[in-house]
C-alpha atoms as a PDB file:
ATOM      1  CA  MET A   1      45.580 -21.787  11.619  1.00  0.00           C
ATOM      2  CA  ALA A   2      43.966 -18.255  11.569  1.00  0.00           C
ATOM      3  CA  SER A   3      42.026 -19.093   7.765  1.00  0.00           C
ATOM      4  CA  GLN A   4      40.285 -22.045   8.781  1.00  0.00           C
ATOM      5  CA  LEU A   5      38.645 -20.973  11.892  1.00  0.00           C
ATOM      6  CA  GLU A   6      37.897 -18.115   9.395  1.00  0.00           C
ATOM      7  CA  ARG A   7      36.450 -20.556   7.492  1.00  0.00           C
ATOM      8  CA  HIS A   8      34.515 -22.651  10.135  1.00  0.00           C
ATOM      9  CA  PHE A   9      33.234 -19.699  12.365  1.00  0.00           C
ATOM     10  CA  GLY A  10      32.573 -17.305   9.871  1.00  0.00           C
ATOM     11  CA  GLY A  11      32.282 -13.307  11.085  1.00  0.00           C
ATOM     12  CA  LYS A  12      31.843 -14.714  14.799  1.00  0.00           C
ATOM     13  CA  VAL A  13      35.544 -14.451  14.450  1.00  0.00           C
ATOM     14  CA  PHE A  14      37.532 -11.050  15.953  1.00  0.00           C
ATOM     15  CA  ARG A  15      39.574  -9.032  13.009  1.00  0.00           C
ATOM     16  CA  THR A  16      42.615  -8.721  15.296  1.00  0.00           C
ATOM     17  CA  VAL A  17      45.160 -10.949  15.864  1.00  0.00           C
ATOM     18  CA  ILE A  18      47.391 -10.881  19.241  1.00  0.00           C
ATOM     19  CA  PRO A  19      50.550 -11.555  18.590  1.00  0.00           C
ATOM     20  CA  ARG A  20      53.755 -13.195  20.623  1.00  0.00           C
ATOM     21  CA  ASN A  21      55.007 -10.883  22.507  1.00  0.00           C
ATOM     22  CA  VAL A  22      58.015 -11.344  24.991  1.00  0.00           C
ATOM     23  CA  ARG A  23      57.426  -7.352  26.116  1.00  0.00           C
ATOM     24  CA  LEU A  24      53.670  -9.069  27.407  1.00  0.00           C
ATOM     25  CA  ALA A  25      54.755 -12.001  28.730  1.00  0.00           C
ATOM     26  CA  GLU A  26      57.450 -10.004  31.294  1.00  0.00           C
ATOM     27  CA  ALA A  27      54.535  -7.956  32.899  1.00  0.00           C
ATOM     28  CA  PRO A  28      53.342 -11.028  35.172  1.00  0.00           C
ATOM     29  CA  SER A  29      56.242 -10.430  37.203  1.00  0.00           C
ATOM     30  CA  HIS A  30      56.061  -7.188  37.467  1.00  0.00           C
ATOM     31  CA  GLY A  31      52.650  -7.574  38.833  1.00  0.00           C
ATOM     32  CA  MET A  32      51.149  -5.414  35.621  1.00  0.00           C
ATOM     33  CA  PRO A  33      48.709  -5.447  32.986  1.00  0.00           C
ATOM     34  CA  GLY A  34      51.379  -5.468  30.073  1.00  0.00           C
ATOM     35  CA  VAL A  35      48.989  -3.022  29.082  1.00  0.00           C
ATOM     36  CA  VAL A  36      50.614  -0.346  31.474  1.00  0.00           C
ATOM     37  CA  PHE A  37      53.690  -2.196  32.357  1.00  0.00           C
ATOM     38  CA  ASP A  38      54.496  -1.440  28.842  1.00  0.00           C
ATOM     39  CA  PRO A  39      52.004   0.152  26.376  1.00  0.00           C
ATOM     40  CA  ASN A  40      53.685   0.896  22.830  1.00  0.00           C
ATOM     41  CA  ALA A  41      54.918  -3.289  23.062  1.00  0.00           C
ATOM     42  CA  ARG A  42      52.588  -4.281  19.705  1.00  0.00           C
ATOM     43  CA  GLY A  43      51.105  -6.853  21.780  1.00  0.00           C
ATOM     44  CA  SER A  44      49.123  -4.150  24.073  1.00  0.00           C
ATOM     45  CA  ARG A  45      48.399  -2.285  20.887  1.00  0.00           C
ATOM     46  CA  ALA A  46      45.827  -5.231  19.505  1.00  0.00           C
ATOM     47  CA  TYR A  47      44.556  -5.567  22.945  1.00  0.00           C
ATOM     48  CA  MET A  48      43.746  -2.167  23.014  1.00  0.00           C
ATOM     49  CA  ASP A  49      42.881  -3.046  19.077  1.00  0.00           C
ATOM     50  CA  PHE A  50      41.197  -5.688  19.987  1.00  0.00           C
ATOM     51  CA  GLY A  51      39.222  -3.780  23.054  1.00  0.00           C
ATOM     52  CA  ALA A  52      37.828  -1.657  20.409  1.00  0.00           C
ATOM     53  CA  GLU A  53      36.602  -4.364  18.240  1.00  0.00           C
ATOM     54  CA  MET A  54      35.041  -5.689  20.797  1.00  0.00           C
ATOM     55  CA  ILE A  55      32.954  -2.450  21.235  1.00  0.00           C
ATOM     56  CA  GLU A  56      31.987  -1.903  18.599  1.00  0.00           C
ATOM     57  CA  ARG A  57      30.640  -5.553  17.763  1.00  0.00           C
ATOM     58  CA  VAL A  58      28.815  -5.463  21.577  1.00  0.00           C
ATOM     59  CA  ARG A  59      27.494  -2.010  19.908  1.00  0.00           C
ATOM     60  CA  ALA A  60      26.032  -3.216  17.089  1.00  0.00           C
ATOM     61  CA  LEU A  61      24.010  -5.671  18.752  1.00  0.00           C
ATOM     62  CA  GLU A  62      22.029  -3.172  20.975  1.00  0.00           C
ATOM     63  CA  PRO A  63      18.200  -2.717  20.130  1.00  0.00           C
ATOM     64  CA  GLU A  64      18.400   0.848  18.662  1.00  0.00           C
ATOM     65  CA  ALA A  65      16.684   3.823  21.049  1.00  0.00           C
END
């Protein structure tokens, strides 16, 4: 599936993959975001990586001062 998305959308697809993760699924029942509930869970780390990747892309779009 990911390879099909990459073929169709090319560079618009983020590199970071968010895995299914039980710890992230448990977080809402504790009233917490997953990255706070268990910051060391694979899914939490992936969301943090995704955030960093998004910031990197946004900065690349900003004109240089």
